[in-house]
Protein backbone atom coordinates (compact mmCIF):
# COMPACT_ATOMS: atom_id res chain seq x y z
CA MET A 1 -0.21 0.07 0.13
CA SER A 2 1.14 3.51 -0.68
CA GLU A 3 0.42 6.53 1.09
CA PRO A 4 -3.36 8.17 0.05
CA ALA A 5 -3.08 9.95 -2.98
CA PRO A 6 -4.45 13.26 -3.43
CA THR A 7 -7.75 13.61 -5.81
CA ALA A 8 -9.98 15.87 -7.40
CA ASN A 9 -12.90 16.78 -4.74
CA GLY A 10 -9.79 17.16 -1.63
CA LYS A 11 -10.09 14.17 -0.27
CA ARG A 12 -7.46 11.01 -0.13
CA CYS A 13 -8.05 7.72 -1.44
CA MET A 14 -5.90 4.44 -1.03
CA SER A 15 -4.53 3.36 -4.32
CA SER A 16 -2.79 0.03 -4.32
CA PHE A 17 0.94 -1.07 -6.04
CA VAL A 18 1.87 -4.18 -7.71
CA ARG A 19 6.21 -4.90 -7.66
CA VAL A 20 6.09 -5.18 -12.06
CA ALA A 21 10.51 -5.29 -12.69
CA SER A 22 13.38 -4.04 -11.32
CA THR A 23 14.93 -0.65 -13.03
CA GLY A 24 17.90 -3.23 -14.74
CA GLU A 25 14.88 -4.65 -16.92
CA ILE A 26 13.83 -1.85 -19.11
CA PRO A 27 16.31 0.51 -20.53
CA PRO A 28 16.54 3.82 -21.43
CA GLY A 29 14.11 4.30 -24.77
CA GLN A 30 12.76 0.59 -24.31
CA ALA A 31 8.99 -0.31 -22.86
CA LYS A 32 8.30 -3.65 -21.55
CA ALA A 33 4.43 -4.73 -20.71
CA PHE A 34 3.15 -6.42 -17.82
CA VAL A 35 -0.55 -7.35 -16.56
CA VAL A 36 -1.26 -5.68 -13.79
CA GLY A 37 -4.92 -7.02 -11.80
CA PRO A 38 -7.05 -7.59 -14.85
CA ARG A 39 -4.60 -5.08 -17.71
CA GLU A 40 -2.24 -5.09 -19.74
CA ILE A 41 0.26 -2.24 -19.13
CA ALA A 42 3.32 -0.73 -20.67
CA VAL A 43 6.09 0.88 -18.41
CA PHE A 44 8.33 2.77 -20.17
CA ASN A 45 12.24 3.90 -19.37
CA VAL A 46 12.19 7.93 -20.77
CA ALA A 47 15.68 9.04 -19.53
CA GLY A 48 15.70 7.50 -16.35
CA SER A 49 11.23 8.61 -15.69
CA TYR A 50 8.98 5.75 -16.13
CA TYR A 51 5.56 5.87 -17.32
CA ALA A 52 2.76 3.56 -17.50
CA ILE A 53 -0.19 3.92 -19.74
CA ASP A 54 -2.36 1.14 -21.11
CA ASN A 55 -0.23 -1.59 -23.78
CA ALA A 56 -2.91 -2.12 -26.32
CA CYS A 57 -3.58 0.30 -28.77
CA PRO A 58 -7.04 1.64 -28.95
CA HIS A 59 -7.38 1.73 -32.77
CA GLN A 60 -6.83 -2.59 -32.59
CA GLY A 61 -5.26 -3.59 -29.82
CA GLY A 62 -1.63 -3.59 -31.32
CA PRO A 63 1.25 -3.73 -28.64
CA LEU A 64 2.24 -0.53 -27.60
CA ALA A 65 5.28 -2.17 -25.79
CA GLU A 66 6.16 -3.37 -28.85
CA GLY A 67 6.23 0.15 -30.58
CA TRP A 68 8.85 2.58 -31.97
CA VAL A 69 9.49 5.33 -28.29
CA GLU A 70 11.29 8.79 -29.63
CA GLY A 71 11.72 10.94 -26.39
CA CYS A 72 8.16 10.20 -24.61
CA VAL A 73 6.20 9.48 -27.72
CA VAL A 74 5.61 5.98 -28.26
CA THR A 75 4.55 4.61 -32.05
CA CYS A 76 2.16 1.06 -32.22
CA PRO A 77 3.46 -1.28 -34.26
CA TRP A 78 1.07 -2.10 -36.20
CA HIS A 79 -0.34 0.78 -37.86
CA ALA A 80 1.80 3.96 -36.13
CA TRP A 81 -0.40 5.98 -33.81
CA SER A 82 1.50 7.35 -31.90
CA PHE A 83 1.15 8.30 -28.01
CA ASP A 84 2.55 10.79 -25.09
CA VAL A 85 3.99 7.83 -22.48
CA ARG A 86 3.04 10.48 -19.75
CA THR A 87 -0.43 12.02 -20.38
CA GLY A 88 -1.53 8.99 -22.67
CA ALA A 89 -2.15 11.53 -25.06
CA MET A 90 -2.96 10.88 -28.85
CA THR A 91 -0.07 12.41 -31.14
CA PRO A 92 -0.17 14.96 -32.89
CA SER A 93 -4.46 15.06 -32.32
CA ASP A 94 -5.97 14.18 -29.35
CA LEU A 95 -8.39 11.49 -30.79
CA CYS A 96 -8.26 9.82 -28.11
CA THR A 97 -6.27 8.85 -24.62
CA LEU A 98 -5.12 6.03 -23.22
CA ASP A 99 -5.66 5.12 -19.39
CA THR A 100 -1.81 6.46 -17.47
CA PHE A 101 -0.83 4.78 -14.18
CA GLU A 102 1.21 6.13 -11.59
CA VAL A 103 4.63 4.45 -11.37
CA GLN A 104 6.86 4.23 -7.92
CA VAL A 105 10.38 3.09 -7.69
CA ALA A 106 12.03 2.34 -4.18
CA GLY A 107 15.44 1.41 -5.02
CA SER A 108 15.57 -0.24 -7.74
CA ALA A 109 11.65 -1.87 -7.54
CA ILE A 110 9.35 -0.59 -10.35
CA SER A 111 5.68 -0.70 -9.39
CA VAL A 112 2.56 0.22 -11.10
CA SER A 113 -0.73 1.00 -9.73
CA LEU A 114 -3.54 -1.34 -9.94
CA GLU A 115 -5.52 1.83 -10.68
CA PRO A 116 -5.42 4.30 -13.22
CA ARG A 117 -5.03 7.95 -12.86
CA SER A 118 -8.52 9.48 -12.84
């Protein structure tokens, strides 16, 4: 369990985190997919900062963790839809947005929230 996170209305809620990897398992500029609760989530290493989004591209379910990563943008390997891994927003348009998940790094352990950010 982690510290309660503030919500939009100022109340705090508990969010559970699941350890998914060590920092050495995801090199800079790379990603890896993990099953976290009922979802498959892609975790990206962008210059030592870790971000987590849904692994399935909304177009036809392409595995985003297998996509091309350039800076903070991942491009789906199936049909080239692109998303900002920090926000989940499609780039360059705002046609759709993927769920993002909080990532915690403690020592070399990477953990991802079970619940998407609101």
